[in-house]
Amino acid sequence: MATDDFKSYSDMPAAPSRAPFSITPHDSNELSIVPKALYVGTGGTVILRGVGGNTDVTFKNVSNGQVLDVRAQYIRATGTTAADIIGLA
């Protein structure tokens, strides 16, 4: 078993991800976990709704390997062209 020298520290929004997970965009399903941020492996457009938002927003020209510092509730399939999206939770 690996030694975790940081296990006694509390998790915070600015702390590194402890449980990254793959995201498959969907038009109506909420994410099962609200991530701290999103990692976009293959760039493009990402359409999402933030956890406290009332409307969707469009992130255009997201680069390969870019991290979006946003706590998303939805990642929409329609209009999202980016791929390999990882939730950083």
PDB file of N, CA and C in Angstrom:
ATOM      1  N   MET A   1       0.852  -1.180   0.000  1.00  0.00           N
ATOM      2  CA  MET A   1       0.000   0.000   0.000  1.00  0.00           C
ATOM      3  C   MET A   1       0.897   1.242   0.000  1.00  0.00           C
ATOM      4  N   ALA A   2       0.514   2.221  -0.769  1.00  0.00           N
ATOM      5  CA  ALA A   2       1.282   3.464  -0.868  1.00  0.00           C
ATOM      6  C   ALA A   2       1.157   4.285   0.412  1.00  0.00           C
ATOM      7  N   THR A   3       2.212   4.980   0.750  1.00  0.00           N
ATOM      8  CA  THR A   3       2.206   5.887   1.887  1.00  0.00           C
ATOM      9  C   THR A   3       1.669   7.230   1.437  1.00  0.00           C
ATOM     10  N   ASP A   4       0.692   7.769   2.178  1.00  0.00           N
ATOM     11  CA  ASP A   4       0.111   9.077   1.869  1.00  0.00           C
ATOM     12  C   ASP A   4       0.455  10.024   3.009  1.00  0.00           C
ATOM     13  N   ASP A   5       1.495  10.825   2.815  1.00  0.00           N
ATOM     14  CA  ASP A   5       1.936  11.748   3.856  1.00  0.00           C
ATOM     15  C   ASP A   5       0.953  12.890   4.083  1.00  0.00           C
ATOM     16  N   PHE A   6      -0.042  13.024   3.208  1.00  0.00           N
ATOM     17  CA  PHE A   6      -0.978  14.139   3.303  1.00  0.00           C
ATOM     18  C   PHE A   6      -2.378  13.703   3.717  1.00  0.00           C
ATOM     19  N   LYS A   7      -2.552  12.458   4.117  1.00  0.00           N
ATOM     20  CA  LYS A   7      -3.889  11.951   4.424  1.00  0.00           C
ATOM     21  C   LYS A   7      -4.546  12.650   5.607  1.00  0.00           C
ATOM     22  N   SER A   8      -3.787  13.255   6.475  1.00  0.00           N
ATOM     23  CA  SER A   8      -4.367  13.929   7.629  1.00  0.00           C
ATOM     24  C   SER A   8      -4.800  15.366   7.308  1.00  0.00           C
ATOM     25  N   TYR A   9      -4.510  15.839   6.096  1.00  0.00           N
ATOM     26  CA  TYR A   9      -4.910  17.186   5.693  1.00  0.00           C
ATOM     27  C   TYR A   9      -6.325  17.149   5.124  1.00  0.00           C
ATOM     28  N   SER A  10      -7.085  18.200   5.414  1.00  0.00           N
ATOM     29  CA  SER A  10      -8.446  18.249   4.885  1.00  0.00           C
ATOM     30  C   SER A  10      -8.425  18.611   3.401  1.00  0.00           C
ATOM     31  N   ASP A  11      -9.422  18.133   2.694  1.00  0.00           N
ATOM     32  CA  ASP A  11      -9.549  18.429   1.275  1.00  0.00           C
ATOM     33  C   ASP A  11     -10.190  19.807   1.124  1.00  0.00           C
ATOM     34  N   MET A  12      -9.657  20.603   0.205  1.00  0.00           N
ATOM     35  CA  MET A  12     -10.165  21.955  -0.038  1.00  0.00           C
ATOM     36  C   MET A  12     -10.252  22.176  -1.543  1.00  0.00           C
ATOM     37  N   PRO A  13     -11.042  23.155  -1.991  1.00  0.00           N
ATOM     38  CA  PRO A  13     -11.146  23.410  -3.432  1.00  0.00           C
ATOM     39  C   PRO A  13      -9.804  23.685  -4.113  1.00  0.00           C
ATOM     40  N   ALA A  14      -8.865  24.289  -3.412  1.00  0.00           N
ATOM     41  CA  ALA A  14      -7.570  24.606  -4.019  1.00  0.00           C
ATOM     42  C   ALA A  14      -6.572  23.449  -3.913  1.00  0.00           C
ATOM     43  N   ALA A  15      -6.927  22.407  -3.201  1.00  0.00           N
ATOM     44  CA  ALA A  15      -6.032  21.259  -3.039  1.00  0.00           C
ATOM     45  C   ALA A  15      -6.027  20.408  -4.305  1.00  0.00           C
ATOM     46  N   PRO A  16      -4.965  19.654  -4.534  1.00  0.00           N
ATOM     47  CA  PRO A  16      -4.927  18.776  -5.703  1.00  0.00           C
ATOM     48  C   PRO A  16      -6.084  17.776  -5.688  1.00  0.00           C
ATOM     49  N   SER A  17      -6.434  17.320  -6.866  1.00  0.00           N
ATOM     50  CA  SER A  17      -7.504  16.334  -7.011  1.00  0.00           C
ATOM     51  C   SER A  17      -7.146  15.044  -6.300  1.00  0.00           C
ATOM     52  N   ARG A  18      -8.091  14.502  -5.568  1.00  0.00           N
ATOM     53  CA  ARG A  18      -7.892  13.229  -4.876  1.00  0.00           C
ATOM     54  C   ARG A  18      -8.614  12.087  -5.576  1.00  0.00           C
ATOM     55  N   ALA A  19      -9.597  12.412  -6.409  1.00  0.00           N
ATOM     56  CA  ALA A  19     -10.408  11.365  -7.039  1.00  0.00           C
ATOM     57  C   ALA A  19     -10.836  11.783  -8.453  1.00  0.00           C
ATOM     58  N   PRO A  20      -9.896  11.887  -9.388  1.00  0.00           N
ATOM     59  CA  PRO A  20     -10.271  12.274 -10.751  1.00  0.00           C
ATOM     60  C   PRO A  20     -11.180  11.223 -11.388  1.00  0.00           C
ATOM     61  N   PHE A  21     -12.064  11.678 -12.278  1.00  0.00           N
ATOM     62  CA  PHE A  21     -12.996  10.760 -12.934  1.00  0.00           C
ATOM     63  C   PHE A  21     -13.286  11.233 -14.356  1.00  0.00           C
ATOM     64  N   SER A  22     -13.557  10.278 -15.229  1.00  0.00           N
ATOM     65  CA  SER A  22     -13.878  10.585 -16.630  1.00  0.00           C
ATOM     66  C   SER A  22     -15.286  11.148 -16.726  1.00  0.00           C
ATOM     67  N   ILE A  23     -15.450  12.089 -17.652  1.00  0.00           N
ATOM     68  CA  ILE A  23     -16.755  12.705 -17.877  1.00  0.00           C
ATOM     69  C   ILE A  23     -17.191  12.440 -19.311  1.00  0.00           C
ATOM     70  N   THR A  24     -18.413  11.941 -19.456  1.00  0.00           N
ATOM     71  CA  THR A  24     -19.046  11.810 -20.751  1.00  0.00           C
ATOM     72  C   THR A  24     -20.139  12.872 -20.814  1.00  0.00           C
ATOM     73  N   PRO A  25     -19.984  13.877 -21.671  1.00  0.00           N
ATOM     74  CA  PRO A  25     -21.011  14.924 -21.750  1.00  0.00           C
ATOM     75  C   PRO A  25     -22.388  14.342 -22.055  1.00  0.00           C
ATOM     76  N   HIS A  26     -23.401  14.956 -21.465  1.00  0.00           N
ATOM     77  CA  HIS A  26     -24.792  14.542 -21.664  1.00  0.00           C
ATOM     78  C   HIS A  26     -25.654  15.797 -21.567  1.00  0.00           C
ATOM     79  N   ASP A  27     -26.697  15.865 -22.352  1.00  0.00           N
ATOM     80  CA  ASP A  27     -27.505  17.085 -22.380  1.00  0.00           C
ATOM     81  C   ASP A  27     -28.372  17.307 -21.143  1.00  0.00           C
ATOM     82  N   SER A  28     -28.807  16.235 -20.468  1.00  0.00           N
ATOM     83  CA  SER A  28     -29.714  16.441 -19.340  1.00  0.00           C
ATOM     84  C   SER A  28     -29.249  15.830 -18.017  1.00  0.00           C
ATOM     85  N   ASN A  29     -28.279  14.933 -18.040  1.00  0.00           N
ATOM     86  CA  ASN A  29     -27.816  14.320 -16.789  1.00  0.00           C
ATOM     87  C   ASN A  29     -26.796  15.195 -16.086  1.00  0.00           C
ATOM     88  N   GLU A  30     -27.029  15.404 -14.787  1.00  0.00           N
ATOM     89  CA  GLU A  30     -26.047  16.105 -13.966  1.00  0.00           C
ATOM     90  C   GLU A  30     -24.821  15.218 -13.781  1.00  0.00           C
ATOM     91  N   LEU A  31     -23.687  15.837 -13.512  1.00  0.00           N
ATOM     92  CA  LEU A  31     -22.509  15.065 -13.135  1.00  0.00           C
ATOM     93  C   LEU A  31     -22.799  14.407 -11.790  1.00  0.00           C
ATOM     94  N   SER A  32     -22.326  13.200 -11.589  1.00  0.00           N
ATOM     95  CA  SER A  32     -22.580  12.504 -10.328  1.00  0.00           C
ATOM     96  C   SER A  32     -21.780  13.107  -9.181  1.00  0.00           C
ATOM     97  N   ILE A  33     -20.670  13.746  -9.503  1.00  0.00           N
ATOM     98  CA  ILE A  33     -19.809  14.429  -8.535  1.00  0.00           C
ATOM     99  C   ILE A  33     -19.520  15.819  -9.085  1.00  0.00           C
ATOM    100  N   VAL A  34     -19.619  16.842  -8.257  1.00  0.00           N
ATOM    101  CA  VAL A  34     -19.242  18.188  -8.685  1.00  0.00           C
ATOM    102  C   VAL A  34     -17.732  18.307  -8.531  1.00  0.00           C
ATOM    103  N   PRO A  35     -17.012  18.481  -9.644  1.00  0.00           N
ATOM    104  CA  PRO A  35     -15.551  18.545  -9.563  1.00  0.00           C
ATOM    105  C   PRO A  35     -15.057  19.917  -9.112  1.00  0.00           C
ATOM    106  N   LYS A  36     -13.800  19.958  -8.669  1.00  0.00           N
ATOM    107  CA  LYS A  36     -13.134  21.219  -8.345  1.00  0.00           C
ATOM    108  C   LYS A  36     -12.793  21.978  -9.623  1.00  0.00           C
ATOM    109  N   ALA A  37     -12.476  21.223 -10.668  1.00  0.00           N
ATOM    110  CA  ALA A  37     -12.053  21.788 -11.950  1.00  0.00           C
ATOM    111  C   ALA A  37     -12.190  20.694 -13.004  1.00  0.00           C
ATOM    112  N   LEU A  38     -11.968  21.081 -14.257  1.00  0.00           N
ATOM    113  CA  LEU A  38     -12.024  20.143 -15.378  1.00  0.00           C
ATOM    114  C   LEU A  38     -10.697  20.153 -16.115  1.00  0.00           C
ATOM    115  N   TYR A  39     -10.222  18.981 -16.475  1.00  0.00           N
ATOM    116  CA  TYR A  39      -9.060  18.848 -17.345  1.00  0.00           C
ATOM    117  C   TYR A  39      -9.596  18.452 -18.714  1.00  0.00           C
ATOM    118  N   VAL A  40      -9.201  19.189 -19.756  1.00  0.00           N
ATOM    119  CA  VAL A  40      -9.639  18.907 -21.119  1.00  0.00           C
ATOM    120  C   VAL A  40      -8.459  18.320 -21.880  1.00  0.00           C
ATOM    121  N   GLY A  41      -8.523  17.032 -22.175  1.00  0.00           N
ATOM    122  CA  GLY A  41      -7.428  16.357 -22.860  1.00  0.00           C
ATOM    123  C   GLY A  41      -7.307  16.750 -24.320  1.00  0.00           C
ATOM    124  N   THR A  42      -8.437  16.767 -25.012  1.00  0.00           N
ATOM    125  CA  THR A  42      -8.475  17.147 -26.421  1.00  0.00           C
ATOM    126  C   THR A  42      -9.321  18.401 -26.537  1.00  0.00           C
ATOM    127  N   GLY A  43      -8.707  19.481 -26.973  1.00  0.00           N
ATOM    128  CA  GLY A  43      -9.342  20.788 -26.965  1.00  0.00           C
ATOM    129  C   GLY A  43     -10.528  20.937 -27.892  1.00  0.00           C
ATOM    130  N   GLY A  44     -11.218  22.044 -27.707  1.00  0.00           N
ATOM    131  CA  GLY A  44     -12.404  22.377 -28.492  1.00  0.00           C
ATOM    132  C   GLY A  44     -13.291  23.300 -27.689  1.00  0.00           C
ATOM    133  N   THR A  45     -14.584  23.119 -27.845  1.00  0.00           N
ATOM    134  CA  THR A  45     -15.585  23.907 -27.128  1.00  0.00           C
ATOM    135  C   THR A  45     -16.176  23.064 -26.013  1.00  0.00           C
ATOM    136  N   VAL A  46     -16.397  23.688 -24.847  1.00  0.00           N
ATOM    137  CA  VAL A  46     -17.055  23.015 -23.726  1.00  0.00           C
ATOM    138  C   VAL A  46     -18.245  23.867 -23.313  1.00  0.00           C
ATOM    139  N   ILE A  47     -19.411  23.255 -23.330  1.00  0.00           N
ATOM    140  CA  ILE A  47     -20.620  23.934 -22.871  1.00  0.00           C
ATOM    141  C   ILE A  47     -21.018  23.298 -21.551  1.00  0.00           C
ATOM    142  N   LEU A  48     -21.157  24.130 -20.529  1.00  0.00           N
ATOM    143  CA  LEU A  48     -21.434  23.621 -19.194  1.00  0.00           C
ATOM    144  C   LEU A  48     -22.305  24.589 -18.416  1.00  0.00           C
ATOM    145  N   ARG A  49     -22.793  24.092 -17.300  1.00  0.00           N
ATOM    146  CA  ARG A  49     -23.483  24.939 -16.320  1.00  0.00           C
ATOM    147  C   ARG A  49     -22.769  24.747 -14.995  1.00  0.00           C
ATOM    148  N   GLY A  50     -22.365  25.843 -14.397  1.00  0.00           N
ATOM    149  CA  GLY A  50     -21.701  25.801 -13.106  1.00  0.00           C
ATOM    150  C   GLY A  50     -22.660  25.413 -12.004  1.00  0.00           C
ATOM    151  N   VAL A  51     -22.117  24.944 -10.908  1.00  0.00           N
ATOM    152  CA  VAL A  51     -22.919  24.434  -9.802  1.00  0.00           C
ATOM    153  C   VAL A  51     -23.876  25.494  -9.247  1.00  0.00           C
ATOM    154  N   GLY A  52     -23.542  26.761  -9.341  1.00  0.00           N
ATOM    155  CA  GLY A  52     -24.426  27.813  -8.854  1.00  0.00           C
ATOM    156  C   GLY A  52     -25.055  28.630  -9.961  1.00  0.00           C
ATOM    157  N   GLY A  53     -24.932  28.165 -11.201  1.00  0.00           N
ATOM    158  CA  GLY A  53     -25.414  28.936 -12.342  1.00  0.00           C
ATOM    159  C   GLY A  53     -26.859  28.642 -12.705  1.00  0.00           C
ATOM    160  N   ASN A  54     -27.454  29.594 -13.421  1.00  0.00           N
ATOM    161  CA  ASN A  54     -28.816  29.438 -13.904  1.00  0.00           C
ATOM    162  C   ASN A  54     -28.875  29.195 -15.403  1.00  0.00           C
ATOM    163  N   THR A  55     -27.760  29.422 -16.102  1.00  0.00           N
ATOM    164  CA  THR A  55     -27.705  29.237 -17.545  1.00  0.00           C
ATOM    165  C   THR A  55     -26.390  28.569 -17.920  1.00  0.00           C
ATOM    166  N   ASP A  56     -26.386  27.985 -19.104  1.00  0.00           N
ATOM    167  CA  ASP A  56     -25.166  27.380 -19.616  1.00  0.00           C
ATOM    168  C   ASP A  56     -24.217  28.457 -20.115  1.00  0.00           C
ATOM    169  N   VAL A  57     -22.940  28.154 -20.088  1.00  0.00           N
ATOM    170  CA  VAL A  57     -21.909  29.029 -20.641  1.00  0.00           C
ATOM    171  C   VAL A  57     -21.054  28.220 -21.606  1.00  0.00           C
ATOM    172  N   THR A  58     -20.445  28.924 -22.555  1.00  0.00           N
ATOM    173  CA  THR A  58     -19.627  28.290 -23.578  1.00  0.00           C
ATOM    174  C   THR A  58     -18.175  28.712 -23.419  1.00  0.00           C
ATOM    175  N   PHE A  59     -17.311  27.732 -23.263  1.00  0.00           N
ATOM    176  CA  PHE A  59     -15.870  27.971 -23.263  1.00  0.00           C
ATOM    177  C   PHE A  59     -15.378  27.594 -24.658  1.00  0.00           C
ATOM    178  N   LYS A  60     -14.977  28.587 -25.447  1.00  0.00           N
ATOM    179  CA  LYS A  60     -14.501  28.344 -26.804  1.00  0.00           C
ATOM    180  C   LYS A  60     -12.979  28.288 -26.835  1.00  0.00           C
ATOM    181  N   ASN A  61     -12.463  27.574 -27.829  1.00  0.00           N
ATOM    182  CA  ASN A  61     -11.016  27.498 -28.064  1.00  0.00           C
ATOM    183  C   ASN A  61     -10.236  26.990 -26.862  1.00  0.00           C
ATOM    184  N   VAL A  62     -10.802  26.040 -26.143  1.00  0.00           N
ATOM    185  CA  VAL A  62     -10.090  25.410 -25.031  1.00  0.00           C
ATOM    186  C   VAL A  62      -8.959  24.582 -25.628  1.00  0.00           C
ATOM    187  N   SER A  63      -7.772  24.751 -25.116  1.00  0.00           N
ATOM    188  CA  SER A  63      -6.591  24.062 -25.646  1.00  0.00           C
ATOM    189  C   SER A  63      -6.483  22.634 -25.125  1.00  0.00           C
ATOM    190  N   ASN A  64      -5.750  21.800 -25.862  1.00  0.00           N
ATOM    191  CA  ASN A  64      -5.414  20.463 -25.374  1.00  0.00           C
ATOM    192  C   ASN A  64      -4.686  20.603 -24.046  1.00  0.00           C
ATOM    193  N   GLY A  65      -5.092  19.834 -23.071  1.00  0.00           N
ATOM    194  CA  GLY A  65      -4.404  19.831 -21.782  1.00  0.00           C
ATOM    195  C   GLY A  65      -4.735  20.999 -20.872  1.00  0.00           C
ATOM    196  N   GLN A  66      -5.738  21.776 -21.208  1.00  0.00           N
ATOM    197  CA  GLN A  66      -6.088  22.941 -20.391  1.00  0.00           C
ATOM    198  C   GLN A  66      -6.949  22.530 -19.199  1.00  0.00           C
ATOM    199  N   VAL A  67      -6.758  23.209 -18.081  1.00  0.00           N
ATOM    200  CA  VAL A  67      -7.586  23.025 -16.897  1.00  0.00           C
ATOM    201  C   VAL A  67      -8.527  24.210 -16.799  1.00  0.00           C
ATOM    202  N   LEU A  68      -9.825  23.910 -16.694  1.00  0.00           N
ATOM    203  CA  LEU A  68     -10.835  24.947 -16.486  1.00  0.00           C
ATOM    204  C   LEU A  68     -11.178  24.972 -15.004  1.00  0.00           C
ATOM    205  N   ASP A  69     -10.908  26.078 -14.365  1.00  0.00           N
ATOM    206  CA  ASP A  69     -11.192  26.223 -12.938  1.00  0.00           C
ATOM    207  C   ASP A  69     -12.662  26.575 -12.746  1.00  0.00           C
ATOM    208  N   VAL A  70     -13.505  25.566 -12.891  1.00  0.00           N
ATOM    209  CA  VAL A  70     -14.939  25.768 -12.764  1.00  0.00           C
ATOM    210  C   VAL A  70     -15.549  24.525 -12.126  1.00  0.00           C
ATOM    211  N   ARG A  71     -16.475  24.736 -11.216  1.00  0.00           N
ATOM    212  CA  ARG A  71     -17.187  23.632 -10.569  1.00  0.00           C
ATOM    213  C   ARG A  71     -18.473  23.403 -11.350  1.00  0.00           C
ATOM    214  N   ALA A  72     -18.429  22.466 -12.273  1.00  0.00           N
ATOM    215  CA  ALA A  72     -19.537  22.221 -13.201  1.00  0.00           C
ATOM    216  C   ALA A  72     -20.560  21.253 -12.627  1.00  0.00           C
ATOM    217  N   GLN A  73     -21.824  21.544 -12.911  1.00  0.00           N
ATOM    218  CA  GLN A  73     -22.919  20.652 -12.549  1.00  0.00           C
ATOM    219  C   GLN A  73     -23.342  19.824 -13.761  1.00  0.00           C
ATOM    220  N   TYR A  74     -23.272  20.444 -14.958  1.00  0.00           N
ATOM    221  CA  TYR A  74     -23.601  19.781 -16.213  1.00  0.00           C
ATOM    222  C   TYR A  74     -22.488  20.042 -17.220  1.00  0.00           C
ATOM    223  N   ILE A  75     -22.168  19.051 -18.033  1.00  0.00           N
ATOM    224  CA  ILE A  75     -21.343  19.216 -19.223  1.00  0.00           C
ATOM    225  C   ILE A  75     -22.231  18.758 -20.365  1.00  0.00           C
ATOM    226  N   ARG A  76     -22.639  19.679 -21.218  1.00  0.00           N
ATOM    227  CA  ARG A  76     -23.605  19.370 -22.275  1.00  0.00           C
ATOM    228  C   ARG A  76     -22.944  18.663 -23.453  1.00  0.00           C
ATOM    229  N   ALA A  77     -23.640  17.685 -24.012  1.00  0.00           N
ATOM    230  CA  ALA A  77     -23.143  16.975 -25.193  1.00  0.00           C
ATOM    231  C   ALA A  77     -23.320  17.830 -26.441  1.00  0.00           C
ATOM    232  N   THR A  78     -24.479  18.474 -26.555  1.00  0.00           N
ATOM    233  CA  THR A  78     -24.743  19.303 -27.722  1.00  0.00           C
ATOM    234  C   THR A  78     -23.860  20.533 -27.679  1.00  0.00           C
ATOM    235  N   GLY A  79     -23.027  20.694 -28.680  1.00  0.00           N
ATOM    236  CA  GLY A  79     -22.146  21.855 -28.782  1.00  0.00           C
ATOM    237  C   GLY A  79     -20.757  21.644 -28.205  1.00  0.00           C
ATOM    238  N   THR A  80     -20.594  20.641 -27.350  1.00  0.00           N
ATOM    239  CA  THR A  80     -19.263  20.355 -26.802  1.00  0.00           C
ATOM    240  C   THR A  80     -18.488  19.532 -27.810  1.00  0.00           C
ATOM    241  N   THR A  81     -17.367  20.099 -28.258  1.00  0.00           N
ATOM    242  CA  THR A  81     -16.510  19.396 -29.210  1.00  0.00           C
ATOM    243  C   THR A  81     -15.227  18.893 -28.571  1.00  0.00           C
ATOM    244  N   ALA A  82     -14.906  19.399 -27.379  1.00  0.00           N
ATOM    245  CA  ALA A  82     -13.731  18.924 -26.641  1.00  0.00           C
ATOM    246  C   ALA A  82     -13.976  17.480 -26.207  1.00  0.00           C
ATOM    247  N   ALA A  83     -12.900  16.751 -25.976  1.00  0.00           N
ATOM    248  CA  ALA A  83     -13.024  15.345 -25.571  1.00  0.00           C
ATOM    249  C   ALA A  83     -11.993  15.029 -24.495  1.00  0.00           C
ATOM    250  N   ASP A  84     -12.087  13.822 -23.987  1.00  0.00           N
ATOM    251  CA  ASP A  84     -11.157  13.364 -22.946  1.00  0.00           C
ATOM    252  C   ASP A  84     -11.199  14.302 -21.744  1.00  0.00           C
ATOM    253  N   ILE A  85     -12.416  14.588 -21.288  1.00  0.00           N
ATOM    254  CA  ILE A  85     -12.620  15.506 -20.160  1.00  0.00           C
ATOM    255  C   ILE A  85     -12.571  14.719 -18.862  1.00  0.00           C
ATOM    256  N   ILE A  86     -11.789  15.220 -17.932  1.00  0.00           N
ATOM    257  CA  ILE A  86     -11.604  14.588 -16.623  1.00  0.00           C
ATOM    258  C   ILE A  86     -12.067  15.562 -15.552  1.00  0.00           C
ATOM    259  N   GLY A  87     -12.930  15.094 -14.652  1.00  0.00           N
ATOM    260  CA  GLY A  87     -13.322  15.890 -13.491  1.00  0.00           C
ATOM    261  C   GLY A  87     -12.269  15.749 -12.419  1.00  0.00           C
ATOM    262  N   LEU A  88     -11.816  16.851 -11.883  1.00  0.00           N
ATOM    263  CA  LEU A  88     -10.812  16.846 -10.815  1.00  0.00           C
ATOM    264  C   LEU A  88     -11.530  17.030  -9.484  1.00  0.00           C
ATOM    265  N   ALA A  89     -11.760  15.933  -8.792  1.00  0.00           N
ATOM    266  CA  ALA A  89     -12.532  15.966  -7.541  1.00  0.00           C
ATOM    267  C   ALA A  89     -11.659  15.580  -6.372  1.00  0.00           C
TER     268      ALA A  89
END
